Amino acid sequence: MAKLSPNTPAVSAIVAVERARISSIVNSEVGKSRRDAALQLALNTDLTTDTVLDLLAKMPEDASSKFLMAMEREAVNFTGNTGAASMNSDPKAARLEELKGSMKAFNHAKGYTVKLNED
């Protein structure tokens, strides 16, 4: 059996075809809603893209995938573990926004009101 050098055009073409196959499986609507199964079938089998997509379509959707797909579509960024959401891509600004929301909820729960400047 002839050994292929990793830098030959033949190897590059094979790698490109396999990457395209994996990408088309994982990034398909069916693959996005069944992420774990899509990754397993794409990476650990030599099934064709059409065969994998047919198999995935017959599987139940992941429970959290619809929610995550909606969040991805709306570009919502979740920060921390409090469930606060932010549309800001700056981590510091997102954290400050999260803290402001937490303090507002805390103050409201304790019955504190906002003081207005009386200058």
N, C-alpha and C. Protein backbone atom coordinates (compact mmCIF):
# COMPACT_ATOMS: atom_id res chain seq x y z
N MET A 1 0.84 -1.17 0.00
CA MET A 1 0.00 0.00 0.00
C MET A 1 0.89 1.24 0.00
N ALA A 2 0.63 2.16 -0.91
CA ALA A 2 1.44 3.38 -1.02
C ALA A 2 1.09 4.35 0.09
N LYS A 3 2.12 4.95 0.65
CA LYS A 3 1.91 5.91 1.72
C LYS A 3 1.79 7.31 1.11
N LEU A 4 0.74 8.03 1.49
CA LEU A 4 0.53 9.38 0.99
C LEU A 4 1.17 10.40 1.91
N SER A 5 1.85 11.35 1.32
CA SER A 5 2.42 12.44 2.10
C SER A 5 1.30 13.41 2.46
N PRO A 6 1.30 13.96 3.67
CA PRO A 6 0.21 14.84 4.08
C PRO A 6 0.11 16.13 3.27
N ASN A 7 1.17 16.50 2.55
CA ASN A 7 1.16 17.76 1.83
C ASN A 7 0.91 17.61 0.32
N THR A 8 0.36 16.51 -0.10
CA THR A 8 0.11 16.32 -1.52
C THR A 8 -1.29 16.82 -1.88
N PRO A 9 -1.49 17.17 -3.14
CA PRO A 9 -2.82 17.62 -3.58
C PRO A 9 -3.90 16.56 -3.36
N ALA A 10 -3.55 15.28 -3.50
CA ALA A 10 -4.54 14.21 -3.31
C ALA A 10 -5.04 14.19 -1.87
N VAL A 11 -4.13 14.31 -0.91
CA VAL A 11 -4.52 14.31 0.50
C VAL A 11 -5.33 15.56 0.81
N SER A 12 -4.92 16.71 0.29
CA SER A 12 -5.66 17.95 0.51
C SER A 12 -7.09 17.84 -0.01
N ALA A 13 -7.25 17.21 -1.16
CA ALA A 13 -8.58 17.05 -1.74
C ALA A 13 -9.44 16.13 -0.88
N ILE A 14 -8.86 15.05 -0.38
CA ILE A 14 -9.59 14.12 0.48
C ILE A 14 -10.02 14.81 1.78
N VAL A 15 -9.10 15.57 2.36
CA VAL A 15 -9.40 16.30 3.60
C VAL A 15 -10.52 17.31 3.36
N ALA A 16 -10.47 18.02 2.25
CA ALA A 16 -11.50 19.02 1.94
C ALA A 16 -12.87 18.37 1.77
N VAL A 17 -12.93 17.23 1.11
CA VAL A 17 -14.20 16.52 0.92
C VAL A 17 -14.75 16.06 2.27
N GLU A 18 -13.90 15.52 3.13
CA GLU A 18 -14.35 15.03 4.43
C GLU A 18 -14.81 16.19 5.32
N ARG A 19 -14.10 17.30 5.28
CA ARG A 19 -14.51 18.48 6.06
C ARG A 19 -15.86 19.00 5.58
N ALA A 20 -16.06 19.01 4.28
CA ALA A 20 -17.34 19.47 3.73
C ALA A 20 -18.47 18.54 4.17
N ARG A 21 -18.21 17.22 4.18
CA ARG A 21 -19.21 16.24 4.63
C ARG A 21 -19.59 16.48 6.08
N ILE A 22 -18.59 16.63 6.94
CA ILE A 22 -18.84 16.85 8.37
C ILE A 22 -19.59 18.15 8.59
N SER A 23 -19.16 19.19 7.92
CA SER A 23 -19.80 20.50 8.06
C SER A 23 -21.25 20.47 7.60
N SER A 24 -21.52 19.80 6.47
CA SER A 24 -22.89 19.76 5.98
C SER A 24 -23.80 18.96 6.91
N ILE A 25 -23.28 17.99 7.61
CA ILE A 25 -24.08 17.21 8.56
C ILE A 25 -24.34 18.03 9.82
N VAL A 26 -23.28 18.54 10.42
CA VAL A 26 -23.40 19.24 11.71
C VAL A 26 -24.16 20.56 11.57
N ASN A 27 -23.99 21.26 10.46
CA ASN A 27 -24.62 22.57 10.28
C ASN A 27 -25.99 22.52 9.62
N SER A 28 -26.48 21.33 9.29
CA SER A 28 -27.83 21.21 8.73
C SER A 28 -28.85 21.46 9.84
N GLU A 29 -30.08 21.79 9.46
CA GLU A 29 -31.14 22.00 10.45
C GLU A 29 -31.35 20.73 11.28
N VAL A 30 -31.31 19.58 10.63
CA VAL A 30 -31.49 18.30 11.33
C VAL A 30 -30.32 18.07 12.28
N GLY A 31 -29.11 18.38 11.84
CA GLY A 31 -27.92 18.19 12.68
C GLY A 31 -27.89 19.13 13.87
N LYS A 32 -28.34 20.37 13.66
CA LYS A 32 -28.36 21.34 14.77
C LYS A 32 -29.34 20.94 15.85
N SER A 33 -30.43 20.30 15.48
CA SER A 33 -31.43 19.91 16.47
C SER A 33 -31.14 18.55 17.11
N ARG A 34 -30.10 17.89 16.64
CA ARG A 34 -29.68 16.60 17.20
C ARG A 34 -28.15 16.59 17.25
N ARG A 35 -27.58 17.57 17.93
CA ARG A 35 -26.15 17.87 17.89
C ARG A 35 -25.27 16.66 18.24
N ASP A 36 -25.54 15.97 19.34
CA ASP A 36 -24.68 14.85 19.77
C ASP A 36 -24.68 13.72 18.74
N ALA A 37 -25.85 13.34 18.28
CA ALA A 37 -25.94 12.27 17.30
C ALA A 37 -25.29 12.69 15.98
N ALA A 38 -25.47 13.93 15.58
CA ALA A 38 -24.86 14.42 14.34
C ALA A 38 -23.34 14.34 14.41
N LEU A 39 -22.79 14.76 15.54
CA LEU A 39 -21.33 14.69 15.69
C LEU A 39 -20.83 13.25 15.67
N GLN A 40 -21.52 12.37 16.37
CA GLN A 40 -21.11 10.96 16.39
C GLN A 40 -21.14 10.35 14.99
N LEU A 41 -22.23 10.58 14.27
CA LEU A 41 -22.36 9.99 12.94
C LEU A 41 -21.40 10.64 11.94
N ALA A 42 -21.17 11.93 12.07
CA ALA A 42 -20.28 12.62 11.13
C ALA A 42 -18.82 12.22 11.34
N LEU A 43 -18.42 12.10 12.60
CA LEU A 43 -17.02 11.86 12.90
C LEU A 43 -16.62 10.39 12.98
N ASN A 44 -17.58 9.51 13.30
CA ASN A 44 -17.21 8.11 13.56
C ASN A 44 -17.78 7.10 12.57
N THR A 45 -18.30 7.58 11.44
CA THR A 45 -18.79 6.66 10.40
C THR A 45 -18.34 7.16 9.04
N ASP A 46 -18.44 6.29 8.02
CA ASP A 46 -18.19 6.76 6.65
C ASP A 46 -19.49 6.80 5.86
N LEU A 47 -20.60 6.95 6.55
CA LEU A 47 -21.90 7.05 5.87
C LEU A 47 -21.94 8.34 5.06
N THR A 48 -22.69 8.30 3.96
CA THR A 48 -22.81 9.50 3.15
C THR A 48 -23.62 10.56 3.89
N THR A 49 -23.49 11.79 3.45
CA THR A 49 -24.23 12.90 4.07
C THR A 49 -25.72 12.64 4.04
N ASP A 50 -26.23 12.22 2.89
CA ASP A 50 -27.67 11.97 2.76
C ASP A 50 -28.14 10.87 3.71
N THR A 51 -27.35 9.81 3.86
CA THR A 51 -27.72 8.72 4.76
C THR A 51 -27.76 9.20 6.20
N VAL A 52 -26.76 9.96 6.60
CA VAL A 52 -26.71 10.49 7.97
C VAL A 52 -27.90 11.42 8.22
N LEU A 53 -28.20 12.31 7.28
CA LEU A 53 -29.32 13.24 7.45
C LEU A 53 -30.65 12.49 7.54
N ASP A 54 -30.79 11.42 6.76
CA ASP A 54 -32.01 10.59 6.85
C ASP A 54 -32.12 9.94 8.23
N LEU A 55 -31.01 9.41 8.74
CA LEU A 55 -31.02 8.79 10.07
C LEU A 55 -31.36 9.83 11.15
N LEU A 56 -30.73 10.99 11.06
CA LEU A 56 -30.98 12.03 12.06
C LEU A 56 -32.43 12.49 12.05
N ALA A 57 -33.01 12.57 10.87
CA ALA A 57 -34.41 13.02 10.76
C ALA A 57 -35.37 12.07 11.46
N LYS A 58 -34.97 10.81 11.58
CA LYS A 58 -35.83 9.81 12.24
C LYS A 58 -35.63 9.77 13.75
N MET A 59 -34.62 10.48 14.25
CA MET A 59 -34.34 10.51 15.69
C MET A 59 -35.10 11.66 16.34
N PRO A 60 -35.43 11.52 17.64
CA PRO A 60 -36.07 12.64 18.34
C PRO A 60 -35.08 13.79 18.51
N GLU A 61 -35.60 15.00 18.53
CA GLU A 61 -34.75 16.17 18.71
C GLU A 61 -34.23 16.23 20.13
N ASP A 62 -33.05 16.86 20.29
CA ASP A 62 -32.51 17.11 21.63
C ASP A 62 -33.45 18.05 22.35
N ALA A 63 -33.63 17.86 23.63
CA ALA A 63 -34.56 18.68 24.41
C ALA A 63 -34.19 20.15 24.40
N SER A 64 -32.92 20.46 24.53
CA SER A 64 -32.51 21.86 24.65
C SER A 64 -32.20 22.50 23.31
N SER A 65 -32.20 21.72 22.23
CA SER A 65 -31.74 22.27 20.96
C SER A 65 -32.63 23.37 20.41
N LYS A 66 -33.95 23.25 20.56
CA LYS A 66 -34.84 24.30 20.05
C LYS A 66 -34.58 25.62 20.76
N PHE A 67 -34.40 25.55 22.05
CA PHE A 67 -34.11 26.75 22.83
C PHE A 67 -32.78 27.37 22.40
N LEU A 68 -31.74 26.54 22.29
CA LEU A 68 -30.43 27.04 21.91
C LEU A 68 -30.42 27.59 20.49
N MET A 69 -31.14 26.95 19.59
CA MET A 69 -31.22 27.45 18.22
C MET A 69 -31.91 28.81 18.19
N ALA A 70 -32.95 28.98 19.00
CA ALA A 70 -33.64 30.27 19.05
C ALA A 70 -32.71 31.34 19.62
N MET A 71 -31.94 31.01 20.63
CA MET A 71 -31.02 31.97 21.20
C MET A 71 -29.91 32.32 20.21
N GLU A 72 -29.45 31.34 19.47
CA GLU A 72 -28.43 31.58 18.46
C GLU A 72 -28.97 32.49 17.36
N ARG A 73 -30.20 32.23 16.94
CA ARG A 73 -30.85 33.03 15.89
C ARG A 73 -31.03 34.48 16.34
N GLU A 74 -31.34 34.68 17.62
CA GLU A 74 -31.56 36.02 18.16
C GLU A 74 -30.27 36.67 18.65
N ALA A 75 -29.15 35.93 18.60
CA ALA A 75 -27.83 36.41 19.03
C ALA A 75 -27.83 36.85 20.49
N VAL A 76 -28.49 36.07 21.34
CA VAL A 76 -28.51 36.38 22.76
C VAL A 76 -27.31 35.69 23.41
N ASN A 77 -26.60 36.45 24.24
CA ASN A 77 -25.43 35.94 24.93
C ASN A 77 -25.77 35.78 26.41
N PHE A 78 -25.73 34.56 26.93
CA PHE A 78 -26.01 34.33 28.34
C PHE A 78 -24.74 34.50 29.13
N THR A 79 -24.85 35.23 30.25
CA THR A 79 -23.68 35.46 31.09
C THR A 79 -23.95 34.96 32.49
N GLY A 80 -22.92 34.43 33.12
CA GLY A 80 -23.04 33.98 34.51
C GLY A 80 -24.02 32.82 34.63
N ASN A 81 -24.42 32.53 35.87
CA ASN A 81 -25.36 31.44 36.11
C ASN A 81 -26.68 31.95 36.66
N THR A 82 -26.93 33.24 36.49
CA THR A 82 -28.17 33.80 37.03
C THR A 82 -29.28 33.82 36.00
N GLY A 83 -28.95 33.48 34.76
CA GLY A 83 -29.97 33.49 33.72
C GLY A 83 -30.14 34.84 33.08
N ALA A 84 -29.29 35.80 33.42
CA ALA A 84 -29.40 37.12 32.80
C ALA A 84 -28.88 37.05 31.38
N ALA A 85 -29.57 37.70 30.47
CA ALA A 85 -29.16 37.68 29.07
C ALA A 85 -28.71 39.07 28.66
N SER A 86 -27.80 39.10 27.73
CA SER A 86 -27.29 40.37 27.25
C SER A 86 -27.07 40.31 25.75
N MET A 87 -27.31 41.41 25.07
CA MET A 87 -27.04 41.48 23.65
C MET A 87 -25.64 42.04 23.42
N ASN A 88 -24.88 42.32 24.48
CA ASN A 88 -23.59 42.96 24.39
C ASN A 88 -22.49 41.91 24.26
N SER A 89 -21.55 42.11 23.33
CA SER A 89 -20.46 41.16 23.16
C SER A 89 -19.27 41.50 24.04
N ASP A 90 -19.27 42.66 24.70
CA ASP A 90 -18.20 43.06 25.61
C ASP A 90 -18.43 42.39 26.96
N PRO A 91 -17.53 41.49 27.40
CA PRO A 91 -17.75 40.75 28.65
C PRO A 91 -17.90 41.65 29.87
N LYS A 92 -17.10 42.72 29.94
CA LYS A 92 -17.17 43.61 31.10
C LYS A 92 -18.52 44.34 31.14
N ALA A 93 -18.95 44.84 30.00
CA ALA A 93 -20.24 45.54 29.94
C ALA A 93 -21.40 44.56 30.22
N ALA A 94 -21.29 43.34 29.72
CA ALA A 94 -22.32 42.35 29.97
C ALA A 94 -22.40 42.01 31.46
N ARG A 95 -21.24 41.89 32.11
CA ARG A 95 -21.21 41.60 33.55
C ARG A 95 -21.79 42.75 34.35
N LEU A 96 -21.46 44.00 33.98
CA LEU A 96 -22.03 45.16 34.67
C LEU A 96 -23.55 45.19 34.51
N GLU A 97 -24.02 44.87 33.32
CA GLU A 97 -25.46 44.82 33.08
C GLU A 97 -26.13 43.74 33.95
N GLU A 98 -25.45 42.60 34.06
CA GLU A 98 -25.96 41.52 34.89
C GLU A 98 -26.04 41.94 36.36
N LEU A 99 -24.99 42.61 36.85
CA LEU A 99 -24.97 43.07 38.24
C LEU A 99 -26.05 44.11 38.49
N LYS A 100 -26.25 45.03 37.56
CA LYS A 100 -27.31 46.03 37.71
C LYS A 100 -28.67 45.36 37.82
N GLY A 101 -28.91 44.35 36.98
CA GLY A 101 -30.18 43.62 37.04
C GLY A 101 -30.35 42.90 38.36
N SER A 102 -29.27 42.28 38.85
CA SER A 102 -29.33 41.57 40.14
C SER A 102 -29.61 42.53 41.28
N MET A 103 -28.94 43.68 41.29
CA MET A 103 -29.15 44.66 42.35
C MET A 103 -30.57 45.24 42.29
N LYS A 104 -31.06 45.47 41.09
CA LYS A 104 -32.42 45.99 40.94
C LYS A 104 -33.43 44.99 41.51
N ALA A 105 -33.23 43.70 41.20
CA ALA A 105 -34.13 42.66 41.72
C ALA A 105 -34.02 42.55 43.24
N PHE A 106 -32.80 42.62 43.77
CA PHE A 106 -32.58 42.56 45.21
C PHE A 106 -33.27 43.74 45.91
N ASN A 107 -33.03 44.95 45.39
CA ASN A 107 -33.63 46.14 45.99
C ASN A 107 -35.16 46.08 45.93
N HIS A 108 -35.70 45.61 44.83
CA HIS A 108 -37.14 45.49 44.70
C HIS A 108 -37.70 44.48 45.72
N ALA A 109 -36.99 43.34 45.88
CA ALA A 109 -37.43 42.31 46.82
C ALA A 109 -37.40 42.82 48.26
N LYS A 110 -36.44 43.69 48.58
CA LYS A 110 -36.32 44.24 49.93
C LYS A 110 -37.22 45.45 50.15
N GLY A 111 -37.86 45.94 49.10
CA GLY A 111 -38.76 47.07 49.22
C GLY A 111 -38.08 48.42 49.14
N TYR A 112 -36.82 48.42 48.71
CA TYR A 112 -36.11 49.69 48.57
C TYR A 112 -36.57 50.40 47.30
N THR A 113 -36.62 51.71 47.34
CA THR A 113 -37.02 52.50 46.17
C THR A 113 -35.83 53.30 45.67
N VAL A 114 -35.93 53.72 44.45
CA VAL A 114 -34.87 54.50 43.83
C VAL A 114 -34.96 55.93 44.30
N LYS A 115 -33.85 56.50 44.79
CA LYS A 115 -33.81 57.88 45.21
C LYS A 115 -33.49 58.75 44.01
N LEU A 116 -34.24 59.83 43.84
CA LEU A 116 -33.98 60.77 42.78
C LEU A 116 -33.12 61.89 43.30
N ASN A 117 -32.20 62.39 42.48
CA ASN A 117 -31.36 63.51 42.89
C ASN A 117 -32.22 64.76 43.01
N GLU A 118 -32.13 65.41 44.14
CA GLU A 118 -32.91 66.62 44.39
C GLU A 118 -31.96 67.79 44.51
N ASP A 119 -31.31 68.15 43.42
CA ASP A 119 -30.36 69.27 43.44
C ASP A 119 -31.02 70.57 43.20
